[in-house]
Amino acid sequence: MTDDIEIPEDTRRSRLTPPASFADPDDIATLDERITAFWEAYPDGAIDASEVEQTGETSWMVTAYVWKNGDSEGRADSTGSATRTVDLDGHVSAQFALETAQSIAISRALRFLGFRS
């Protein structure tokens, strides 16, 4: 019975920005590259990732704040958060959950300011 039904192909295009290609690692900026680009663009800026919350016995949540003008008293120009859990049986980054969460939080805050690649 369903052999007579034709379903047209959807030819609409999304207006969303396509995600970065993870097939080519050169398309992704490292944290070091983002920080270097930030300091070049905003030499008086500030980065603070000292807001750390222990959310469990082995879990950490870090929030990073970035200011373009270095005035860390005012509202941050960008923020980024990350949560990681220690996993001694897993990857190296999971063994250093706090440090990994800090790096990811800073990277996200810089990415939200436009430092993507």
Protein backbone atom coordinates (compact mmCIF):
# COMPACT_ATOMS: atom_id res chain seq x y z
CA MET A 1 0.00 0.00 0.00
CA THR A 2 2.75 2.49 0.76
CA ASP A 3 4.41 1.94 -2.61
CA ASP A 4 2.22 4.65 -4.15
CA ILE A 5 3.32 7.40 -1.73
CA GLU A 6 6.13 9.68 -2.85
CA ILE A 7 7.90 11.74 -0.22
CA PRO A 8 9.68 14.79 -1.65
CA GLU A 9 13.28 15.42 -0.71
CA ASP A 10 13.81 18.24 1.80
CA THR A 11 15.92 20.87 0.00
CA ARG A 12 15.74 23.58 2.65
CA ARG A 13 19.05 24.80 4.05
CA SER A 14 19.76 25.58 7.66
CA ARG A 15 20.70 29.13 8.62
CA LEU A 16 22.75 27.82 11.51
CA THR A 17 26.53 28.06 11.34
CA PRO A 18 27.92 24.63 10.50
CA PRO A 19 30.01 23.08 13.28
CA ALA A 20 33.80 22.98 13.04
CA SER A 21 35.16 20.04 11.15
CA PHE A 22 36.61 17.65 13.68
CA ALA A 23 38.08 15.55 10.88
CA ASP A 24 40.91 18.08 10.49
CA PRO A 25 42.62 18.98 13.80
CA ASP A 26 44.15 22.06 12.12
CA ASP A 27 40.64 23.62 12.04
CA ILE A 28 40.53 23.73 15.86
CA ALA A 29 42.49 26.34 17.81
CA THR A 30 44.31 25.23 20.94
CA LEU A 31 43.93 27.05 24.24
CA ASP A 32 47.46 28.39 23.85
CA GLU A 33 46.60 29.84 20.42
CA ARG A 34 43.42 31.45 21.76
CA ILE A 35 45.22 33.00 24.74
CA THR A 36 48.00 34.32 22.49
CA ALA A 37 45.44 35.85 20.10
CA PHE A 38 43.56 37.37 23.06
CA TRP A 39 46.69 39.04 24.50
CA GLU A 40 47.60 40.38 21.05
CA ALA A 41 44.11 41.87 20.61
CA TYR A 42 43.68 43.05 24.22
CA PRO A 43 47.08 43.57 25.90
CA ASP A 44 45.36 45.20 28.90
CA GLY A 45 42.79 42.39 29.19
CA ALA A 46 42.34 39.97 32.06
CA ILE A 47 41.54 36.27 32.39
CA ASP A 48 40.40 34.77 35.68
CA ALA A 49 39.56 31.09 36.21
CA SER A 50 39.75 31.08 39.99
CA GLU A 51 36.05 30.42 40.60
CA VAL A 52 36.24 26.74 41.46
CA GLU A 53 33.49 24.69 43.04
CA GLN A 54 33.92 21.12 44.17
CA THR A 55 30.62 19.54 43.10
CA GLY A 56 31.33 16.07 44.43
CA GLU A 57 34.08 14.08 46.05
CA THR A 58 35.97 13.94 42.74
CA SER A 59 34.13 16.52 40.58
CA TRP A 60 34.98 20.14 39.86
CA MET A 61 33.15 23.01 38.19
CA VAL A 62 35.20 25.99 37.03
CA THR A 63 33.94 29.31 35.70
CA ALA A 64 36.33 31.55 33.77
CA TYR A 65 35.85 35.28 33.25
CA VAL A 66 37.47 37.37 30.51
CA TRP A 67 37.67 41.17 30.39
CA LYS A 68 38.88 43.05 27.32
CA ASN A 69 39.98 46.14 29.25
CA GLY A 70 41.45 44.43 32.32
CA ASP A 71 38.92 46.01 34.68
CA SER A 72 38.08 42.85 36.56
CA GLU A 73 35.79 44.79 38.90
CA GLY A 74 33.08 45.28 36.25
CA ARG A 75 30.97 42.81 34.35
CA ALA A 76 33.04 40.31 32.37
CA ASP A 77 32.96 40.53 28.58
CA SER A 78 32.72 36.75 28.39
CA THR A 79 32.39 33.73 30.66
CA GLY A 80 32.86 30.01 30.20
CA SER A 81 32.21 27.06 32.48
CA ALA A 82 33.28 23.44 32.56
CA THR A 83 32.75 20.47 34.83
CA ARG A 84 35.05 17.48 35.02
CA THR A 85 35.27 14.38 37.21
CA VAL A 86 38.41 12.51 38.22
CA ASP A 87 38.57 9.10 36.55
CA LEU A 88 41.72 7.24 37.53
CA ASP A 89 40.96 4.45 35.06
CA GLY A 90 40.42 6.80 32.11
CA HIS A 91 42.32 9.33 30.04
CA VAL A 92 45.12 11.52 31.35
CA SER A 93 42.85 14.60 31.22
CA ALA A 94 40.36 12.81 33.47
CA GLN A 95 43.10 12.21 36.04
CA PHE A 96 43.65 15.97 36.24
CA ALA A 97 40.00 17.00 36.34
CA LEU A 98 40.49 20.42 37.97
CA GLU A 99 43.23 21.50 35.56
CA THR A 100 41.27 20.21 32.57
CA ALA A 101 38.11 22.03 33.69
CA GLN A 102 40.08 25.29 34.08
CA SER A 103 41.56 24.96 30.59
CA ILE A 104 38.18 24.18 29.02
CA ALA A 105 36.44 27.04 30.87
CA ILE A 106 39.05 29.57 29.67
CA SER A 107 38.92 28.19 26.14
CA ARG A 108 35.12 28.49 26.07
CA ALA A 109 35.17 32.07 27.38
CA LEU A 110 37.68 33.06 24.68
CA ARG A 111 35.71 31.21 22.01
CA PHE A 112 32.57 33.16 23.02
CA LEU A 113 34.56 36.37 22.40
CA GLY A 114 35.28 35.21 18.86
CA PHE A 115 38.68 33.54 19.22
CA ARG A 116 37.66 30.36 17.40
CA SER A 117 40.64 29.42 15.25
